[in-house]
Amino acid sequence: MKTTAISRRDWLKKGTLSLAAITLMPSDVWSLAVDKAQSNNSTFLFHESNVFNEFTPPVYKEQQLMAILRANENPYGPPPMAAKAFQEEVFKGNRYAWKTLFNLMENIAQKEKVTKEQILMGPGSSDILEKVAMVLFQKGGDVISADPSYMSLINVSKSVGGTWKSYQLKDDFQHDLDAMEAGIDANTKLVYICNPNNPTGTITDAKKLKDFCSRVSEKVPVFVDEAYIELSKNGLKDSMVSLVSEGKNVIVARTFSKIYGMAGLRIGYMLGSKELVHQIQEITRGGMGITGPSIMAATKSLQEKEFLAMCKDKIIEARNYTISYLKEKKYSFMPSETNFVIFEIPLDGKQFLEKIYAKQVGVRAFKFWDKNWCRVSIGTMDEMKLFTQAMDEIFA
């Protein structure tokens, strides 16, 4: 059945959509949630009844942190050519950047072997996840995903009337594809898979996932969030983008925030069917939220293969150091193919954050599966040594 498009004004008048979900980027939503939770002295940032939740960090000043290891940023980027391109493009900031955006889309189309009409640009991939949720869940429905998973799309789908059906990761921390497929019914609007997964850092076998996506997309759309895929062992070889080229009802999201080191420049993209891209753009224009300098920086960064390879090598080196430390200290951790590692902590998450922030190290802490977890982003080797030193002092 074809979905009837409604105007942006009529849609927003429905009043079912959270204003924060429309107007704020993920970092803004997180920061506001932190401020509110800190003011209320709340244990958790969001709803305490959630299957998956995040502990509220203590009140702190950013400049007091010696190691900021909480946002999965690349400590070595953006690439030099990208930074230079950004600076030069600032002087053209009086002009709209549609031409440079279309040029970037041409480059992405060639790289991903899709057409420009199958690309939706946005200020980061989280923005695109949220736009997809807004459009697909206007009239409710279920989104199926792993437990735990990245919550951006899920939270927005719930804010417009959707329901989250979660399926716990298997013992090897891969998606339980069989259970997820069995959970599909007439109410299912979307299957969402973050691979590698956030916040666990784990990856699901590419062959099994491709078979799943190919088969399941005949029933419902499958959204594969590949924000961290360049950091995985096999990199883009494990991407599901070939299914988009084949005409499958598969959506793939990528970002320049991670391996490209452009988290603060806000740019990402989605690959999907022409029909879905058109459906989203009837309501909102993704490219409108990206600055010209960011577009030019992203364009140049696609050429910086040596720099990106260097970043990946250094991140893996620091990750291996961190994992070796966790092994030595007998912490239970999940195998990571990203620029972060998550592990169990023998302490209440809120108390742990108070102690580690006091050591001038910023990380994240979560509650799921009735356990407390620390997720530490991988910074420079010096930053990871500050982290391990802080851990030794806390758990001496």
Protein backbone atom coordinates (compact mmCIF):
# COMPACT_ATOMS: atom_id res chain seq x y z
CA MET A 1 0.00 0.00 0.00
CA LYS A 2 1.39 3.39 -0.94
CA THR A 3 1.92 5.81 1.92
CA THR A 4 0.11 9.11 1.43
CA ALA A 5 2.48 12.03 1.82
CA ILE A 6 1.49 14.93 4.07
CA SER A 7 3.00 18.36 4.28
CA ARG A 8 5.60 19.24 6.88
CA ARG A 9 3.24 21.75 8.48
CA ASP A 10 0.34 19.28 8.73
CA TRP A 11 2.66 16.59 10.00
CA LEU A 12 4.10 18.71 12.78
CA LYS A 13 0.62 19.87 13.78
CA LYS A 14 -0.20 16.29 14.74
CA GLY A 15 1.72 16.98 17.91
CA THR A 16 2.98 13.45 18.35
CA LEU A 17 6.59 14.19 17.56
CA SER A 18 9.08 15.25 20.21
CA LEU A 19 10.43 18.70 19.43
CA ALA A 20 13.90 17.61 20.52
CA ALA A 21 13.84 14.79 18.00
CA ILE A 22 13.22 17.26 15.17
CA THR A 23 15.47 20.15 16.02
CA LEU A 24 18.45 18.76 17.88
CA MET A 25 21.45 16.77 16.79
CA PRO A 26 22.33 13.65 18.85
CA SER A 27 25.07 15.48 20.80
CA ASP A 28 22.56 18.22 21.70
CA VAL A 29 19.97 15.70 22.84
CA TRP A 30 22.61 13.93 24.96
CA SER A 31 23.88 17.20 26.47
CA LEU A 32 20.36 18.38 27.34
CA ALA A 33 19.57 14.99 28.85
CA VAL A 34 22.75 15.22 30.94
CA ASP A 35 21.89 18.75 32.14
CA LYS A 36 18.35 17.72 33.09
CA ALA A 37 19.44 14.51 34.81
CA GLN A 38 22.18 16.31 36.74
CA SER A 39 19.74 19.01 37.87
CA ASN A 40 17.30 16.36 39.08
CA ASN A 41 20.06 14.18 40.55
CA SER A 42 18.74 11.31 38.41
CA THR A 43 20.54 7.99 38.26
CA PHE A 44 19.76 7.57 34.55
CA LEU A 45 19.62 9.98 31.63
CA PHE A 46 16.39 8.65 30.18
CA HIS A 47 13.50 6.43 31.38
CA GLU A 48 14.51 4.11 34.17
CA SER A 49 12.11 1.43 32.92
CA ASN A 50 14.02 1.00 29.65
CA VAL A 51 15.68 -2.31 28.82
CA PHE A 52 18.80 -0.30 28.04
CA ASN A 53 19.83 2.85 29.85
CA GLU A 54 22.73 5.21 30.46
CA PHE A 55 23.99 6.46 33.79
CA THR A 56 24.14 10.19 34.42
CA PRO A 57 27.70 11.53 34.55
CA PRO A 58 28.71 13.89 37.37
CA VAL A 59 28.80 17.65 36.91
CA TYR A 60 32.12 18.48 35.26
CA LYS A 61 33.92 21.09 33.16
CA GLU A 62 35.07 19.90 29.76
CA GLN A 63 38.42 21.67 30.02
CA GLN A 64 39.22 19.74 33.21
CA LEU A 65 39.23 16.38 31.41
CA MET A 66 42.64 15.09 30.36
CA ALA A 67 41.16 12.20 28.35
CA ILE A 68 37.77 12.56 26.61
CA LEU A 69 36.90 8.96 25.82
CA ARG A 70 33.10 8.97 25.66
CA ALA A 71 31.97 9.87 22.11
CA ASN A 72 33.82 7.39 19.84
CA GLU A 73 35.70 10.16 18.04
CA ASN A 74 38.81 9.72 15.90
CA PRO A 75 41.59 11.51 17.83
CA TYR A 76 43.71 11.95 14.67
CA GLY A 77 41.28 13.60 12.23
CA PRO A 78 40.07 15.30 10.22
CA PRO A 79 42.51 14.55 7.41
CA PRO A 80 44.86 17.45 6.58
CA MET A 81 43.47 17.97 3.06
CA ALA A 82 39.94 17.99 4.46
CA ALA A 83 40.82 20.58 7.12
CA LYS A 84 42.45 22.81 4.51
CA ALA A 85 39.45 22.48 2.20
CA PHE A 86 37.13 23.41 5.06
CA GLN A 87 39.11 26.56 5.82
CA GLU A 88 39.18 27.67 2.20
CA GLU A 89 35.48 27.04 1.67
CA VAL A 90 34.54 29.26 4.63
CA PHE A 91 35.12 32.30 2.41
CA LYS A 92 32.31 31.09 0.15
CA GLY A 93 29.95 30.82 3.10
CA ASN A 94 27.70 33.54 1.72
CA ARG A 95 26.53 31.12 -0.99
CA TYR A 96 24.36 28.02 -0.73
CA ALA A 97 26.37 24.86 -1.21
CA TRP A 98 24.08 22.83 -3.46
CA LYS A 99 26.63 22.52 -6.27
CA THR A 100 29.36 21.19 -3.98
CA LEU A 101 26.80 18.87 -2.35
CA PHE A 102 25.79 17.42 -5.72
CA ASN A 103 29.48 16.94 -6.59
CA LEU A 104 29.99 15.02 -3.34
CA MET A 105 26.94 12.90 -4.10
CA GLU A 106 28.42 12.08 -7.52
CA ASN A 107 31.61 10.90 -5.80
CA ILE A 108 29.65 8.82 -3.30
CA ALA A 109 27.53 7.32 -6.08
CA GLN A 110 30.67 6.20 -7.91
CA LYS A 111 32.25 4.85 -4.72
CA GLU A 112 29.15 2.91 -3.64
CA LYS A 113 27.96 1.92 -7.16
CA VAL A 114 24.52 3.47 -6.77
CA THR A 115 22.76 6.40 -8.44
CA LYS A 116 22.55 9.91 -6.98
CA GLU A 117 18.81 9.41 -6.61
CA GLN A 118 19.52 6.62 -4.11
CA ILE A 119 21.51 8.92 -1.79
CA LEU A 120 20.19 11.05 1.06
CA MET A 121 22.68 13.40 2.70
CA GLY A 122 22.44 14.66 6.26
CA PRO A 123 24.36 16.29 9.12
CA GLY A 124 25.69 12.98 10.41
CA SER A 125 24.17 9.53 10.06
CA SER A 126 22.16 9.86 13.30
CA ASP A 127 20.18 12.67 11.71
CA ILE A 128 19.32 10.33 8.84
CA LEU A 129 18.34 7.52 11.20
CA GLU A 130 15.97 9.92 12.90
CA LYS A 131 14.47 11.15 9.63
CA VAL A 132 13.78 7.58 8.54
CA ALA A 133 12.05 6.92 11.88
CA MET A 134 9.94 10.07 11.56
CA VAL A 135 8.72 9.10 8.10
CA LEU A 136 8.17 5.36 8.54
CA PHE A 137 6.49 5.47 11.95
CA GLN A 138 3.99 8.30 11.40
CA LYS A 139 1.18 5.80 11.92
CA GLY A 140 2.91 3.60 14.50
CA GLY A 141 4.27 0.12 13.96
CA ASP A 142 7.14 -1.94 15.34
CA VAL A 143 10.87 -1.53 14.89
CA ILE A 144 12.90 -4.67 15.50
CA SER A 145 16.50 -4.36 16.70
CA ALA A 146 19.11 -5.90 18.94
CA ASP A 147 19.30 -5.45 22.70
CA PRO A 148 21.33 -3.38 23.27
CA SER A 149 21.72 -1.20 20.19
CA TYR A 150 22.17 2.41 19.12
CA MET A 151 19.00 4.14 20.29
CA SER A 152 18.70 7.18 17.99
CA LEU A 153 16.31 5.64 15.44
CA ILE A 154 14.51 3.63 18.11
CA ASN A 155 13.85 6.58 20.40
CA VAL A 156 12.48 8.74 17.57
CA SER A 157 10.28 5.92 16.28
CA LYS A 158 8.82 5.60 19.78
CA SER A 159 8.26 9.37 19.98
CA VAL A 160 5.97 9.26 16.93
CA GLY A 161 3.98 6.24 18.09
CA GLY A 162 6.18 3.27 17.21
CA THR A 163 7.02 0.29 19.41
CA TRP A 164 10.46 -1.23 19.99
CA LYS A 165 10.77 -5.01 19.85
CA SER A 166 14.25 -5.93 21.09
CA TYR A 167 16.11 -9.21 20.81
CA GLN A 168 19.12 -9.85 23.02
CA LEU A 169 22.44 -10.46 21.30
CA LYS A 170 23.56 -14.08 21.24
CA ASP A 171 26.24 -15.51 23.52
CA ASP A 172 28.89 -14.62 20.91
CA PHE A 173 27.47 -11.05 20.86
CA GLN A 174 26.20 -11.29 17.28
CA HIS A 175 22.66 -10.29 16.30
CA ASP A 176 20.15 -13.09 16.84
CA LEU A 177 19.02 -13.00 13.22
CA ASP A 178 16.78 -16.05 13.54
CA ALA A 179 14.86 -14.60 16.48
CA MET A 180 14.59 -11.20 14.79
CA GLU A 181 13.20 -12.76 11.61
CA ALA A 182 10.73 -14.86 13.60
CA GLY A 183 9.53 -11.66 15.31
CA ILE A 184 8.41 -10.03 12.06
CA ASP A 185 4.65 -9.72 11.76
CA ALA A 186 2.01 -7.47 10.23
CA ASN A 187 2.95 -4.60 12.58
CA THR A 188 6.65 -4.59 11.68
CA LYS A 189 7.68 -1.44 9.81
CA LEU A 190 11.47 -1.81 9.93
CA VAL A 191 14.31 -4.06 11.03
CA TYR A 192 17.26 -2.02 12.31
CA ILE A 193 20.75 -3.53 12.54
CA CYS A 194 23.78 -1.61 13.75
CA ASN A 195 26.85 -3.47 12.45
CA PRO A 196 29.36 -3.17 14.04
CA ASN A 197 26.98 -2.63 16.93
CA ASN A 198 26.97 0.33 19.30
CA PRO A 199 27.42 0.26 22.30
CA THR A 200 28.88 -3.27 22.22
CA GLY A 201 31.48 -2.84 19.45
CA THR A 202 30.71 -6.35 18.22
CA ILE A 203 30.10 -7.46 14.64
CA THR A 204 27.71 -9.94 13.03
CA ASP A 205 28.99 -12.34 10.39
CA ALA A 206 28.72 -10.62 7.00
CA LYS A 207 27.61 -13.66 5.03
CA LYS A 208 24.83 -14.51 7.47
CA LEU A 209 23.77 -10.88 7.60
CA LYS A 210 23.70 -10.54 3.81
CA ASP A 211 21.54 -13.67 3.50
CA PHE A 212 19.25 -12.29 6.21
CA CYS A 213 18.95 -8.83 4.62
CA SER A 214 18.34 -10.26 1.15
CA ARG A 215 15.57 -12.54 2.38
CA VAL A 216 13.92 -10.34 5.02
CA SER A 217 13.89 -7.22 2.82
CA GLU A 218 11.30 -9.01 0.68
CA LYS A 219 8.94 -8.60 3.67
CA VAL A 220 9.98 -5.33 5.37
CA PRO A 221 12.75 -2.74 4.94
CA VAL A 222 16.06 -3.58 6.63
CA PHE A 223 18.19 -0.65 7.82
CA VAL A 224 21.89 -1.46 8.34
CA ASP A 225 23.78 1.25 10.24
CA GLU A 226 27.45 1.01 9.18
CA ALA A 227 28.85 3.98 11.09
CA TYR A 228 31.85 1.94 12.29
CA ILE A 229 32.35 -0.46 9.41
CA GLU A 230 35.58 1.11 8.14
CA LEU A 231 37.11 0.34 11.54
CA SER A 232 36.19 -3.35 11.43
CA LYS A 233 38.63 -6.10 10.48
CA ASN A 234 37.27 -6.54 6.95
CA GLY A 235 36.17 -2.95 6.50
CA LEU A 236 33.91 -2.17 3.56
CA LYS A 237 34.16 -5.78 2.33
CA ASP A 238 31.48 -6.55 4.92
CA SER A 239 29.14 -3.77 3.79
CA MET A 240 25.55 -4.49 2.74
CA VAL A 241 25.61 -1.77 0.09
CA SER A 242 25.68 -4.27 -2.79
CA LEU A 243 22.11 -5.23 -1.84
CA VAL A 244 21.04 -1.63 -2.41
CA SER A 245 22.59 -1.79 -5.89
CA GLU A 246 20.66 -5.01 -6.53
CA GLY A 247 17.37 -3.25 -5.81
CA LYS A 248 16.72 -4.92 -2.45
CA ASN A 249 14.67 -2.99 0.13
CA VAL A 250 17.81 -2.43 2.18
CA ILE A 251 18.99 0.88 3.64
CA VAL A 252 22.63 1.55 4.53
CA ALA A 253 23.85 4.53 6.59
CA ARG A 254 27.42 5.81 6.69
CA THR A 255 29.09 8.73 8.43
CA PHE A 256 32.15 10.94 8.18
CA SER A 257 32.15 11.24 12.00
CA LYS A 258 34.21 8.15 12.84
CA ILE A 259 37.18 6.99 10.74
CA TYR A 260 37.13 10.28 8.80
CA GLY A 261 37.51 12.26 12.03
CA MET A 262 34.77 14.78 11.23
CA ALA A 263 32.34 14.29 14.13
CA GLY A 264 32.10 18.03 14.75
CA LEU A 265 31.63 18.88 11.07
CA ARG A 266 28.36 16.88 10.89
CA ILE A 267 27.99 15.00 7.63
CA GLY A 268 26.74 11.54 6.71
CA TYR A 269 24.63 9.78 4.11
CA MET A 270 22.09 7.06 3.48
CA LEU A 271 21.86 4.67 0.55
CA GLY A 272 18.47 3.22 -0.29
CA SER A 273 15.74 2.96 -2.88
CA LYS A 274 14.78 6.00 -4.95
CA GLU A 275 11.25 5.65 -3.57
CA LEU A 276 12.34 5.87 0.08
CA VAL A 277 14.68 8.79 -0.58
CA HIS A 278 11.82 10.60 -2.34
CA GLN A 279 9.40 9.75 0.48
CA ILE A 280 11.74 11.29 3.06
CA GLN A 281 12.50 14.36 0.96
CA GLU A 282 8.79 15.10 0.54
CA ILE A 283 8.87 15.99 4.23
CA THR A 284 12.44 17.11 4.94
CA ARG A 285 15.55 17.98 2.93
CA GLY A 286 18.56 16.24 4.41
CA GLY A 287 21.17 18.27 2.56
CA MET A 288 19.79 21.54 3.90
CA GLY A 289 21.43 20.94 7.27
CA ILE A 290 25.02 20.59 6.01
CA THR A 291 27.44 23.50 5.66
CA GLY A 292 29.46 24.13 2.51
CA PRO A 293 32.81 23.80 4.32
CA SER A 294 31.76 20.41 5.73
CA ILE A 295 30.72 19.23 2.27
CA MET A 296 34.07 20.24 0.79
CA ALA A 297 35.98 18.64 3.67
CA ALA A 298 34.08 15.38 3.15
CA THR A 299 34.80 15.48 -0.58
CA LYS A 300 38.54 15.84 0.00
CA SER A 301 38.59 13.24 2.76
CA LEU A 302 37.51 10.55 0.29
CA GLN A 303 40.97 10.95 -1.28
CA GLU A 304 42.91 10.60 1.98
CA LYS A 305 43.34 6.80 1.94
CA GLU A 306 46.84 6.79 3.49
CA PHE A 307 45.78 9.05 6.35
CA LEU A 308 42.69 6.94 7.03
CA ALA A 309 44.79 3.75 7.04
CA MET A 310 47.19 5.38 9.53
CA CYS A 311 44.26 6.31 11.79
CA LYS A 312 42.90 2.76 11.72
CA ASP A 313 46.33 1.28 12.53
CA LYS A 314 46.83 3.62 15.51
CA ILE A 315 43.30 3.07 16.80
CA ILE A 316 43.75 -0.73 16.60
CA GLU A 317 47.09 -0.46 18.39
CA ALA A 318 45.52 1.54 21.23
CA ARG A 319 42.51 -0.79 21.28
CA ASN A 320 44.78 -3.84 21.59
CA TYR A 321 46.59 -2.17 24.46
CA THR A 322 43.26 -1.54 26.21
CA ILE A 323 42.05 -5.10 25.63
CA SER A 324 45.33 -6.51 26.95
CA TYR A 325 44.85 -4.44 30.08
CA LEU A 326 41.28 -5.67 30.54
CA LYS A 327 42.43 -9.28 30.09
CA GLU A 328 45.24 -8.85 32.61
CA LYS A 329 42.87 -7.34 35.17
CA LYS A 330 40.23 -10.06 34.58
CA TYR A 331 37.48 -7.72 33.34
CA SER A 332 34.73 -9.32 31.23
CA PHE A 333 34.58 -7.44 27.92
CA MET A 334 33.02 -7.82 24.50
CA PRO A 335 35.22 -8.35 21.41
CA SER A 336 35.40 -5.02 19.59
CA GLU A 337 35.77 -4.18 15.91
CA THR A 338 35.28 -0.46 16.49
CA ASN A 339 37.00 2.45 18.19
CA PHE A 340 35.54 1.61 21.60
CA VAL A 341 35.38 -1.28 24.04
CA ILE A 342 32.62 -2.14 26.51
CA PHE A 343 33.25 -4.15 29.67
CA GLU A 344 31.54 -5.04 32.94
CA ILE A 345 32.36 -2.97 36.00
CA PRO A 346 32.11 -4.25 39.59
CA LEU A 347 30.50 -1.03 40.79
CA ASP A 348 27.28 0.91 40.35
CA GLY A 349 27.59 2.87 37.11
CA LYS A 350 26.83 6.27 38.62
CA GLN A 351 29.40 5.80 41.40
CA PHE A 352 31.93 4.60 38.84
CA LEU A 353 31.45 7.71 36.70
CA GLU A 354 31.93 9.97 39.73
CA LYS A 355 35.21 8.25 40.53
CA ILE A 356 36.66 8.18 37.01
CA TYR A 357 35.63 11.77 36.19
CA ALA A 358 37.42 12.77 39.40
CA LYS A 359 40.52 11.27 37.72
CA GLN A 360 39.91 13.64 34.76
CA VAL A 361 38.87 10.82 32.42
CA GLY A 362 35.49 10.95 30.66
CA VAL A 363 33.79 7.68 29.63
CA ARG A 364 30.20 6.38 29.41
CA ALA A 365 28.44 3.87 31.67
CA PHE A 366 25.34 1.80 30.87
CA LYS A 367 22.87 -0.56 32.50
CA PHE A 368 21.58 -3.52 30.52
CA TRP A 369 21.17 -7.27 31.05
CA ASP A 370 21.04 -6.38 34.79
CA LYS A 371 24.74 -5.47 34.69
CA ASN A 372 26.81 -2.30 34.90
CA TRP A 373 29.06 -1.53 31.93
CA CYS A 374 31.73 1.01 31.01
CA ARG A 375 32.15 1.96 27.37
CA VAL A 376 35.53 3.55 26.73
CA SER A 377 36.32 5.16 23.39
CA ILE A 378 39.76 4.56 21.95
CA GLY A 379 41.88 7.70 22.00
CA THR A 380 45.61 8.14 21.57
CA MET A 381 47.94 5.73 23.35
CA ASP A 382 48.71 8.41 25.94
CA GLU A 383 44.99 8.86 26.62
CA MET A 384 44.46 5.12 27.02
CA LYS A 385 47.31 5.01 29.53
CA LEU A 386 45.56 7.75 31.51
CA PHE A 387 42.43 5.60 31.42
CA THR A 388 44.17 2.42 32.64
CA GLN A 389 45.96 4.38 35.36
CA ALA A 390 42.62 5.77 36.53
CA MET A 391 41.13 2.26 36.56
CA ASP A 392 44.03 0.96 38.65
CA GLU A 393 43.55 3.75 41.17
CA ILE A 394 39.76 3.22 41.38
CA PHE A 395 39.93 -0.55 41.72
CA ALA A 396 43.21 -0.85 43.63
